[in-house]
Each structure stands twice: as C-alpha cells, then as structure tokens.
C-alpha cells in the first residue's frame, strides 16, 4: 500500500460522512413532504417532523411548532417531548456528519470559532446548553462536535437531553394554551 492510497483510505470516512450529510439535506429540500399526513400521526408524526426539521441544514422547518401543536391537541407533553427531542437529536446528525467530513465548510467563520472554543473549553455541556435553548447556533455546534471528533454517542446523549427538555417545555406550553385560546379558533 502506498502512502497516497493510505491517505485516501483515511479520508474515506470523512468524505462519506460529508456526502451523506449533503445528500440528506438535498433530499429534505427536493422531496416533497406531506406535512398534513405527518401531523395526523400523533407522536410518530412529531418525531418525524422534528427529525426532518433538524436534519435540514439549509431549509428552516418549524419543528417546535409541531410539538406545541401536539400540546394544543392534548397529547401527553412528556411523551411529546421525548418523541420530539429524540427526533430532533437524530436529525442533528447531519450537522455532526458534515463537521466530521468537512471541517473546512465553516471553520473560517467567527461564529464557528466561538462555538469551537466553547466545545474545547466546556465540552459536552456546550452541546447540552445549545440544544436546550432555541437558537441558530446549534448547527454550528454539531459541525464543531463532528470536526473535534466528539464520540457520536456522547454527542447524541447531550443533544437528546437538551432537546427533550426543550420539547417538553414547548409541549406543556401548548397544552396550557388551550385555556387561553378562544373556543372559536379554527382547529384543523
């Protein structure tokens, strides 16, 4: 085996991870999603909507609105939070894989440098906090975690913990909003 082929084989997982992340994002943008049908699936629908919304690095999809709506429909807020949080955490693998496969994509940005610094200094609590609060920095945190080679299971655990808590809060907010929304509201 030559040095050149060894280098290529070492980069192969990175290239495959980047291609998979880009492929998933393109599929989410190009393949039509029947949001109405997903909404009717209850907990599974919330899981899938959150998976799709978090998996899209280009197209913003309001996944937390599905969790809130599930609360409005009086689905169990804890189960909604778990379904939404797990779907969202799995969807964030696209950012992790993109970072694992192609660090150069964002490493020149000021935001990336800031989040990477937090990751180096605080580690997984950075993933937890950024996944807990609604913010646009989480994709960058996923990139940084992948680029820094944070073990996948640790990334998923910290991400899922924060996203489940956030989803439970949104589900409870939806369930409590039923009391303040007028009965004449046009329900689906």
Protein backbone atom coordinates (compact mmCIF):
# COMPACT_ATOMS: atom_id res chain seq x y z
CA UNK A 1 0.00 0.00 0.00
CA UNK A 2 1.38 3.37 -0.96
CA UNK A 3 1.30 6.47 1.23
CA UNK A 4 -1.07 8.12 -1.21
CA UNK A 5 -3.63 5.30 -1.05
CA UNK A 6 -3.32 5.16 2.75
CA UNK A 7 -4.15 8.88 2.94
CA UNK A 8 -7.11 8.37 0.65
CA UNK A 9 -8.42 5.50 2.78
CA UNK A 10 -8.01 7.58 5.95
CA UNK A 11 -10.12 10.36 4.41
CA UNK A 12 -12.76 7.99 3.04
CA UNK A 13 -14.97 8.05 6.20
CA UNK A 14 -14.79 11.85 6.26
CA UNK A 15 -15.75 12.14 2.60
CA UNK A 16 -18.60 9.63 3.03
CA UNK A 17 -19.90 11.48 6.11
CA UNK A 18 -19.89 14.80 4.25
CA UNK A 19 -21.61 13.29 1.21
CA UNK A 20 -24.25 11.67 3.41
CA UNK A 21 -24.96 14.96 5.23
CA UNK A 22 -25.25 16.87 1.95
CA UNK A 23 -27.41 14.10 0.45
CA UNK A 24 -29.83 14.12 3.38
CA UNK A 25 -30.13 17.90 3.21
CA UNK A 26 -30.76 17.83 -0.55
CA UNK A 27 -33.36 15.09 -0.13
CA UNK A 28 -35.17 17.17 2.51
CA UNK A 29 -35.21 20.15 0.16
CA UNK A 30 -36.13 18.29 -3.04
CA UNK A 31 -38.53 15.55 -1.86
CA UNK A 32 -42.00 16.85 -1.05
CA UNK A 33 -43.21 16.13 2.49
CA UNK A 34 -46.89 15.65 3.26
CA UNK A 35 -46.94 17.73 6.48
CA UNK A 36 -50.70 17.25 6.94
CA UNK A 37 -50.32 13.46 6.99
CA UNK A 38 -47.40 13.68 9.40
CA UNK A 39 -49.45 15.88 11.70
CA UNK A 40 -52.15 13.19 11.86
CA UNK A 41 -49.66 10.58 13.06
CA UNK A 42 -49.53 11.98 16.62
CA UNK A 43 -46.32 11.18 18.50
CA UNK A 44 -44.77 9.46 15.48
CA UNK A 45 -45.65 12.47 13.34
CA UNK A 46 -43.99 14.84 15.84
CA UNK A 47 -40.91 12.59 15.89
CA UNK A 48 -40.71 12.62 12.08
CA UNK A 49 -41.36 16.36 11.76
CA UNK A 50 -38.62 17.09 14.31
CA UNK A 51 -36.27 14.64 12.57
CA UNK A 52 -36.86 16.37 9.23
CA UNK A 53 -36.70 19.90 10.60
CA UNK A 54 -33.43 19.28 12.45
CA UNK A 55 -31.97 17.31 9.57
CA UNK A 56 -32.29 20.21 7.18
CA UNK A 57 -29.22 22.43 7.33
CA UNK A 58 -30.48 24.70 4.56
CA UNK A 59 -34.27 24.88 4.71
CA UNK A 60 -35.71 26.08 8.03
CA UNK A 61 -38.68 23.97 9.07
CA UNK A 62 -40.61 24.91 12.23
CA UNK A 63 -40.37 21.61 14.10
CA UNK A 64 -41.11 23.03 17.54
CA UNK A 65 -44.43 24.26 16.20
CA UNK A 66 -45.44 20.59 15.81
CA UNK A 67 -44.56 19.92 19.45
CA UNK A 68 -46.54 22.98 20.56
CA UNK A 69 -49.49 21.92 18.37
CA UNK A 70 -49.36 18.42 19.87
CA UNK A 71 -49.74 20.05 23.27
CA UNK A 72 -52.72 22.04 21.97
CA UNK A 73 -54.28 18.77 20.84
CA UNK A 74 -53.86 17.49 24.41
CA UNK A 75 -51.29 14.78 23.62
CA UNK A 76 -49.17 13.84 26.65
CA UNK A 77 -46.49 16.59 26.98
CA UNK A 78 -43.86 14.20 28.36
CA UNK A 79 -44.31 11.72 25.50
CA UNK A 80 -44.41 14.60 23.01
CA UNK A 81 -41.18 15.96 24.46
CA UNK A 82 -39.46 12.60 24.24
CA UNK A 83 -40.67 11.98 20.68
CA UNK A 84 -39.78 15.49 19.54
CA UNK A 85 -36.44 15.59 21.36
CA UNK A 86 -35.28 12.21 20.05
CA UNK A 87 -36.35 13.07 16.51
CA UNK A 88 -34.56 16.39 16.69
CA UNK A 89 -31.38 14.87 18.14
CA UNK A 90 -31.24 12.24 15.38
CA UNK A 91 -31.83 14.95 12.79
CA UNK A 92 -28.84 16.88 14.12
CA UNK A 93 -26.59 14.05 12.93
CA UNK A 94 -26.46 15.78 9.53
CA UNK A 95 -24.55 18.69 11.08
CA UNK A 96 -22.33 16.34 13.07
CA UNK A 97 -21.54 14.30 9.94
CA UNK A 98 -20.86 17.44 7.92
CA UNK A 99 -18.39 18.59 10.57
CA UNK A 100 -16.81 15.16 10.73
CA UNK A 101 -16.46 15.03 6.97
CA UNK A 102 -15.64 18.59 6.08
CA UNK A 103 -14.35 20.86 8.78
CA UNK A 104 -13.35 23.49 6.23
CA UNK A 105 -17.01 24.22 5.47
CA UNK A 106 -17.42 26.57 8.42
CA UNK A 107 -14.08 26.78 10.19
CA UNK A 108 -13.37 30.25 8.83
CA UNK A 109 -16.48 31.83 10.32
CA UNK A 110 -16.32 33.87 13.51
CA UNK A 111 -19.32 32.03 14.98
CA UNK A 112 -17.71 28.66 14.32
CA UNK A 113 -14.52 29.75 16.09
CA UNK A 114 -16.57 30.91 19.07
CA UNK A 115 -18.56 27.66 19.33
CA UNK A 116 -15.45 25.54 18.78
CA UNK A 117 -13.77 27.42 21.61
CA UNK A 118 -16.71 26.65 23.88
CA UNK A 119 -16.53 22.99 22.80
CA UNK A 120 -12.81 22.79 23.57
CA UNK A 121 -13.23 24.53 26.93
CA UNK A 122 -16.50 23.09 28.24
CA UNK A 123 -17.09 20.02 26.06
CA UNK A 124 -20.48 18.34 26.17
CA UNK A 125 -22.18 20.96 28.37
CA UNK A 126 -21.88 23.24 25.32
CA UNK A 127 -23.91 20.74 23.26
CA UNK A 128 -26.46 20.39 26.06
CA UNK A 129 -26.97 24.14 26.59
CA UNK A 130 -27.11 24.97 22.88
CA UNK A 131 -29.61 22.17 22.28
CA UNK A 132 -31.74 23.31 25.22
CA UNK A 133 -32.32 26.86 24.01
CA UNK A 134 -33.89 27.71 20.64
CA UNK A 135 -31.04 29.27 18.68
CA UNK A 136 -29.41 29.17 15.27
CA UNK A 137 -26.01 28.17 16.70
CA UNK A 138 -26.81 24.51 17.14
CA UNK A 139 -25.92 23.51 13.58
CA UNK A 140 -22.52 25.11 14.16
CA UNK A 141 -22.20 23.15 17.43
CA UNK A 142 -22.93 19.96 15.52
CA UNK A 143 -20.26 20.86 12.95
CA UNK A 144 -17.78 21.57 15.74
CA UNK A 145 -18.59 18.33 17.57
CA UNK A 146 -18.03 16.34 14.39
CA UNK A 147 -14.86 18.22 13.48
CA UNK A 148 -13.46 17.77 17.00
CA UNK A 149 -14.32 14.06 16.83
CA UNK A 150 -16.58 14.09 19.88
CA UNK A 151 -17.73 10.46 20.20
CA UNK A 152 -21.07 10.10 18.42
CA UNK A 153 -22.90 8.53 21.37
CA UNK A 154 -21.80 11.36 23.67
CA UNK A 155 -22.91 13.98 21.17
CA UNK A 156 -26.30 12.26 20.80
CA UNK A 157 -26.77 11.88 24.57
CA UNK A 158 -26.04 15.55 25.34
CA UNK A 159 -28.06 16.73 22.35
CA UNK A 160 -31.05 14.49 23.14
CA UNK A 161 -31.10 15.56 26.80
CA UNK A 162 -31.32 19.24 25.90
CA UNK A 163 -33.77 18.76 23.04
CA UNK A 164 -36.10 16.55 25.10
CA UNK A 165 -36.27 19.15 27.88
CA UNK A 166 -36.89 21.94 25.35
CA UNK A 167 -39.60 19.88 23.62
CA UNK A 168 -41.32 19.09 26.92
CA UNK A 169 -41.41 22.82 27.71
CA UNK A 170 -42.96 23.58 24.31
CA UNK A 171 -45.46 20.72 24.67
CA UNK A 172 -46.55 21.96 28.11
CA UNK A 173 -46.83 25.49 26.75
CA UNK A 174 -49.12 24.17 24.02
CA UNK A 175 -51.22 22.15 26.45
CA UNK A 176 -51.66 25.16 28.73
CA UNK A 177 -52.51 27.47 25.83
CA UNK A 178 -55.78 25.62 25.28
CA UNK A 179 -57.14 27.55 28.24
CA UNK A 180 -56.37 30.97 26.74
CA UNK A 181 -57.16 30.37 23.06
CA UNK A 182 -60.77 31.22 22.19
CA UNK A 183 -63.09 28.29 21.51
CA UNK A 184 -63.85 29.84 18.12
CA UNK A 185 -60.24 29.22 16.99
CA UNK A 186 -60.28 27.33 13.65
CA UNK A 187 -58.94 23.92 14.70
CA UNK A 188 -57.73 21.56 12.00
